[in-house]
Amino acid sequence: MLALVVIDMQRWMFRTSERLAQVGSMLPAINDLASRFTQANLPIYDVVTIHQPDRST
């Protein structure tokens, strides 16, 4: 089975200037892949990490 897995594309992942500089090329590429997978009726999984506001997790 073919699937697209997008992991941790959250604001926190782009907190450094080096990572932030990559957003301009990364987001269009991910959006293009997601569009292709949607058109092909293939699954897309968005994996996120969620922490408690007090950082207890």
PDB file of N, CA and C in Angstrom:
ATOM      1  N   MET A   1       0.848  -1.186   0.000  1.00  0.00           N
ATOM      2  CA  MET A   1       0.000   0.000   0.000  1.00  0.00           C
ATOM      3  C   MET A   1       0.889   1.243   0.000  1.00  0.00           C
ATOM      4  N   LEU A   2       0.478   2.227  -0.713  1.00  0.00           N
ATOM      5  CA  LEU A   2       1.188   3.494  -0.804  1.00  0.00           C
ATOM      6  C   LEU A   2       0.426   4.535   0.006  1.00  0.00           C
ATOM      7  N   ALA A   3       1.153   5.313   0.832  1.00  0.00           N
ATOM      8  CA  ALA A   3       0.525   6.367   1.630  1.00  0.00           C
ATOM      9  C   ALA A   3       1.521   7.498   1.812  1.00  0.00           C
ATOM     10  N   LEU A   4       1.003   8.686   2.017  1.00  0.00           N
ATOM     11  CA  LEU A   4       1.828   9.852   2.323  1.00  0.00           C
ATOM     12  C   LEU A   4       1.748  10.095   3.825  1.00  0.00           C
ATOM     13  N   VAL A   5       2.907  10.217   4.475  1.00  0.00           N
ATOM     14  CA  VAL A   5       2.957  10.496   5.905  1.00  0.00           C
ATOM     15  C   VAL A   5       3.680  11.826   6.090  1.00  0.00           C
ATOM     16  N   VAL A   6       2.990  12.786   6.671  1.00  0.00           N
ATOM     17  CA  VAL A   6       3.557  14.101   6.963  1.00  0.00           C
ATOM     18  C   VAL A   6       3.745  14.160   8.474  1.00  0.00           C
ATOM     19  N   ILE A   7       4.985  14.391   8.921  1.00  0.00           N
ATOM     20  CA  ILE A   7       5.297  14.326  10.349  1.00  0.00           C
ATOM     21  C   ILE A   7       5.724  15.692  10.878  1.00  0.00           C
ATOM     22  N   ASP A   8       5.023  16.138  11.920  1.00  0.00           N
ATOM     23  CA  ASP A   8       5.372  17.336  12.688  1.00  0.00           C
ATOM     24  C   ASP A   8       5.570  18.609  11.865  1.00  0.00           C
ATOM     25  N   MET A   9       4.651  18.876  10.953  1.00  0.00           N
ATOM     26  CA  MET A   9       4.702  20.144  10.223  1.00  0.00           C
ATOM     27  C   MET A   9       3.943  21.191  11.037  1.00  0.00           C
ATOM     28  N   GLN A  10       4.507  21.515  12.178  1.00  0.00           N
ATOM     29  CA  GLN A  10       3.903  22.466  13.096  1.00  0.00           C
ATOM     30  C   GLN A  10       4.810  23.681  13.228  1.00  0.00           C
ATOM     31  N   ARG A  11       4.248  24.756  13.665  1.00  0.00           N
ATOM     32  CA  ARG A  11       4.995  26.009  13.799  1.00  0.00           C
ATOM     33  C   ARG A  11       6.282  25.829  14.603  1.00  0.00           C
ATOM     34  N   TRP A  12       6.218  25.024  15.674  1.00  0.00           N
ATOM     35  CA  TRP A  12       7.377  24.829  16.541  1.00  0.00           C
ATOM     36  C   TRP A  12       8.567  24.258  15.770  1.00  0.00           C
ATOM     37  N   MET A  13       8.296  23.433  14.759  1.00  0.00           N
ATOM     38  CA  MET A  13       9.387  22.818  13.992  1.00  0.00           C
ATOM     39  C   MET A  13      10.178  23.851  13.190  1.00  0.00           C
ATOM     40  N   PHE A  14       9.638  25.045  13.055  1.00  0.00           N
ATOM     41  CA  PHE A  14      10.299  26.086  12.270  1.00  0.00           C
ATOM     42  C   PHE A  14      10.708  27.274  13.131  1.00  0.00           C
ATOM     43  N   ARG A  15      11.050  26.986  14.379  1.00  0.00           N
ATOM     44  CA  ARG A  15      11.396  28.044  15.332  1.00  0.00           C
ATOM     45  C   ARG A  15      12.780  28.633  15.087  1.00  0.00           C
ATOM     46  N   THR A  16      13.670  27.921  14.402  1.00  0.00           N
ATOM     47  CA  THR A  16      15.004  28.451  14.128  1.00  0.00           C
ATOM     48  C   THR A  16      15.023  29.081  12.738  1.00  0.00           C
ATOM     49  N   SER A  17      15.913  30.016  12.542  1.00  0.00           N
ATOM     50  CA  SER A  17      15.979  30.703  11.243  1.00  0.00           C
ATOM     51  C   SER A  17      16.361  29.744  10.114  1.00  0.00           C
ATOM     52  N   GLU A  18      17.181  28.733  10.420  1.00  0.00           N
ATOM     53  CA  GLU A  18      17.580  27.766   9.397  1.00  0.00           C
ATOM     54  C   GLU A  18      16.378  26.965   8.906  1.00  0.00           C
ATOM     55  N   ARG A  19      15.554  26.526   9.826  1.00  0.00           N
ATOM     56  CA  ARG A  19      14.367  25.760   9.444  1.00  0.00           C
ATOM     57  C   ARG A  19      13.319  26.661   8.793  1.00  0.00           C
ATOM     58  N   LEU A  20      13.169  27.854   9.314  1.00  0.00           N
ATOM     59  CA  LEU A  20      12.199  28.785   8.750  1.00  0.00           C
ATOM     60  C   LEU A  20      12.527  29.092   7.291  1.00  0.00           C
ATOM     61  N   ALA A  21      13.811  29.137   6.967  1.00  0.00           N
ATOM     62  CA  ALA A  21      14.229  29.415   5.595  1.00  0.00           C
ATOM     63  C   ALA A  21      13.797  28.315   4.630  1.00  0.00           C
ATOM     64  N   GLN A  22      13.499  27.131   5.129  1.00  0.00           N
ATOM     65  CA  GLN A  22      13.114  26.008   4.286  1.00  0.00           C
ATOM     66  C   GLN A  22      11.615  25.974   3.976  1.00  0.00           C
ATOM     67  N   VAL A  23      10.825  26.728   4.702  1.00  0.00           N
ATOM     68  CA  VAL A  23       9.365  26.676   4.543  1.00  0.00           C
ATOM     69  C   VAL A  23       8.943  27.008   3.116  1.00  0.00           C
ATOM     70  N   GLY A  24       9.568  27.982   2.522  1.00  0.00           N
ATOM     71  CA  GLY A  24       9.185  28.432   1.186  1.00  0.00           C
ATOM     72  C   GLY A  24       9.258  27.348   0.128  1.00  0.00           C
ATOM     73  N   SER A  25      10.176  26.425   0.267  1.00  0.00           N
ATOM     74  CA  SER A  25      10.270  25.329  -0.711  1.00  0.00           C
ATOM     75  C   SER A  25       9.570  24.069  -0.219  1.00  0.00           C
ATOM     76  N   MET A  26       9.516  23.897   1.093  1.00  0.00           N
ATOM     77  CA  MET A  26       8.951  22.672   1.651  1.00  0.00           C
ATOM     78  C   MET A  26       7.422  22.623   1.550  1.00  0.00           C
ATOM     79  N   LEU A  27       6.763  23.699   1.898  1.00  0.00           N
ATOM     80  CA  LEU A  27       5.295  23.697   1.896  1.00  0.00           C
ATOM     81  C   LEU A  27       4.697  23.451   0.512  1.00  0.00           C
ATOM     82  N   PRO A  28       5.176  24.125  -0.527  1.00  0.00           N
ATOM     83  CA  PRO A  28       4.620  23.825  -1.860  1.00  0.00           C
ATOM     84  C   PRO A  28       4.849  22.366  -2.272  1.00  0.00           C
ATOM     85  N   ALA A  29       5.985  21.797  -1.908  1.00  0.00           N
ATOM     86  CA  ALA A  29       6.267  20.401  -2.248  1.00  0.00           C
ATOM     87  C   ALA A  29       5.308  19.463  -1.518  1.00  0.00           C
ATOM     88  N   ILE A  30       5.078  19.722  -0.241  1.00  0.00           N
ATOM     89  CA  ILE A  30       4.150  18.896   0.532  1.00  0.00           C
ATOM     90  C   ILE A  30       2.729  19.055   0.005  1.00  0.00           C
ATOM     91  N   ASN A  31       2.333  20.281  -0.297  1.00  0.00           N
ATOM     92  CA  ASN A  31       0.991  20.515  -0.841  1.00  0.00           C
ATOM     93  C   ASN A  31       0.808  19.814  -2.180  1.00  0.00           C
ATOM     94  N   ASP A  32       1.846  19.815  -3.012  1.00  0.00           N
ATOM     95  CA  ASP A  32       1.776  19.130  -4.301  1.00  0.00           C
ATOM     96  C   ASP A  32       1.613  17.624  -4.094  1.00  0.00           C
ATOM     97  N   LEU A  33       2.400  17.052  -3.194  1.00  0.00           N
ATOM     98  CA  LEU A  33       2.272  15.627  -2.899  1.00  0.00           C
ATOM     99  C   LEU A  33       0.884  15.299  -2.359  1.00  0.00           C
ATOM    100  N   ALA A  34       0.391  16.109  -1.438  1.00  0.00           N
ATOM    101  CA  ALA A  34      -0.936  15.875  -0.864  1.00  0.00           C
ATOM    102  C   ALA A  34      -2.008  15.933  -1.948  1.00  0.00           C
ATOM    103  N   SER A  35      -1.882  16.872  -2.857  1.00  0.00           N
ATOM    104  CA  SER A  35      -2.844  16.987  -3.952  1.00  0.00           C
ATOM    105  C   SER A  35      -2.812  15.743  -4.840  1.00  0.00           C
ATOM    106  N   ARG A  36      -1.624  15.273  -5.159  1.00  0.00           N
ATOM    107  CA  ARG A  36      -1.492  14.080  -5.994  1.00  0.00           C
ATOM    108  C   ARG A  36      -2.063  12.842  -5.299  1.00  0.00           C
ATOM    109  N   PHE A  37      -1.795  12.716  -4.001  1.00  0.00           N
ATOM    110  CA  PHE A  37      -2.329  11.571  -3.258  1.00  0.00           C
ATOM    111  C   PHE A  37      -3.849  11.654  -3.160  1.00  0.00           C
ATOM    112  N   THR A  38      -4.379  12.858  -2.971  1.00  0.00           N
ATOM    113  CA  THR A  38      -5.831  13.031  -2.923  1.00  0.00           C
ATOM    114  C   THR A  38      -6.460  12.658  -4.260  1.00  0.00           C
ATOM    115  N   GLN A  39      -5.886  13.139  -5.341  1.00  0.00           N
ATOM    116  CA  GLN A  39      -6.413  12.823  -6.673  1.00  0.00           C
ATOM    117  C   GLN A  39      -6.367  11.331  -6.970  1.00  0.00           C
ATOM    118  N   ALA A  40      -5.358  10.651  -6.438  1.00  0.00           N
ATOM    119  CA  ALA A  40      -5.219   9.210  -6.662  1.00  0.00           C
ATOM    120  C   ALA A  40      -5.995   8.392  -5.628  1.00  0.00           C
ATOM    121  N   ASN A  41      -6.712   9.097  -4.742  1.00  0.00           N
ATOM    122  CA  ASN A  41      -7.490   8.449  -3.685  1.00  0.00           C
ATOM    123  C   ASN A  41      -6.611   7.561  -2.794  1.00  0.00           C
ATOM    124  N   LEU A  42      -5.403   8.058  -2.496  1.00  0.00           N
ATOM    125  CA  LEU A  42      -4.471   7.359  -1.620  1.00  0.00           C
ATOM    126  C   LEU A  42      -4.483   8.016  -0.248  1.00  0.00           C
ATOM    127  N   PRO A  43      -4.207   7.252   0.797  1.00  0.00           N
ATOM    128  CA  PRO A  43      -4.277   7.807   2.153  1.00  0.00           C
ATOM    129  C   PRO A  43      -3.157   8.793   2.456  1.00  0.00           C
ATOM    130  N   ILE A  44      -3.512   9.769   3.285  1.00  0.00           N
ATOM    131  CA  ILE A  44      -2.555  10.760   3.786  1.00  0.00           C
ATOM    132  C   ILE A  44      -2.682  10.768   5.305  1.00  0.00           C
ATOM    133  N   TYR A  45      -1.547  10.639   5.985  1.00  0.00           N
ATOM    134  CA  TYR A  45      -1.518  10.654   7.446  1.00  0.00           C
ATOM    135  C   TYR A  45      -0.712  11.855   7.907  1.00  0.00           C
ATOM    136  N   ASP A  46      -1.295  12.622   8.805  1.00  0.00           N
ATOM    137  CA  ASP A  46      -0.636  13.793   9.386  1.00  0.00           C
ATOM    138  C   ASP A  46      -0.324  13.452  10.841  1.00  0.00           C
ATOM    139  N   VAL A  47       0.941  13.226  11.132  1.00  0.00           N
ATOM    140  CA  VAL A  47       1.372  12.824  12.469  1.00  0.00           C
ATOM    141  C   VAL A  47       1.877  14.057  13.204  1.00  0.00           C
ATOM    142  N   VAL A  48       1.292  14.318  14.357  1.00  0.00           N
ATOM    143  CA  VAL A  48       1.702  15.482  15.153  1.00  0.00           C
ATOM    144  C   VAL A  48       2.057  15.053  16.567  1.00  0.00           C
ATOM    145  N   THR A  49       2.893  15.832  17.191  1.00  0.00           N
ATOM    146  CA  THR A  49       3.242  15.633  18.586  1.00  0.00           C
ATOM    147  C   THR A  49       2.504  16.698  19.387  1.00  0.00           C
ATOM    148  N   ILE A  50       1.796  16.271  20.413  1.00  0.00           N
ATOM    149  CA  ILE A  50       1.027  17.209  21.221  1.00  0.00           C
ATOM    150  C   ILE A  50       1.526  17.153  22.659  1.00  0.00           C
ATOM    151  N   HIS A  51       1.847  18.314  23.196  1.00  0.00           N
ATOM    152  CA  HIS A  51       2.332  18.415  24.572  1.00  0.00           C
ATOM    153  C   HIS A  51       1.362  19.250  25.404  1.00  0.00           C
ATOM    154  N   GLN A  52       1.325  18.986  26.671  1.00  0.00           N
ATOM    155  CA  GLN A  52       0.551  19.799  27.600  1.00  0.00           C
ATOM    156  C   GLN A  52       1.208  21.174  27.686  1.00  0.00           C
ATOM    157  N   PRO A  53       0.416  22.246  27.890  1.00  0.00           N
ATOM    158  CA  PRO A  53       0.992  23.598  27.980  1.00  0.00           C
ATOM    159  C   PRO A  53       2.051  23.718  29.082  1.00  0.00           C
ATOM    160  N   ASP A  54       1.918  22.917  30.138  1.00  0.00           N
ATOM    161  CA  ASP A  54       2.908  23.012  31.223  1.00  0.00           C
ATOM    162  C   ASP A  54       4.122  22.120  30.983  1.00  0.00           C
ATOM    163  N   ARG A  55       4.212  21.530  29.798  1.00  0.00           N
ATOM    164  CA  ARG A  55       5.330  20.678  29.376  1.00  0.00           C
ATOM    165  C   ARG A  55       5.500  19.432  30.241  1.00  0.00           C
ATOM    166  N   SER A  56       4.422  18.954  30.828  1.00  0.00           N
ATOM    167  CA  SER A  56       4.474  17.787  31.690  1.00  0.00           C
ATOM    168  C   SER A  56       4.500  16.473  30.913  1.00  0.00           C
ATOM    169  N   THR A  57       4.315  16.539  29.602  1.00  0.00           N
ATOM    170  CA  THR A  57       4.282  15.301  28.817  1.00  0.00           C
ATOM    171  C   THR A  57       5.663  14.922  28.360  1.00  0.00           C
TER     172      THR A  57
END
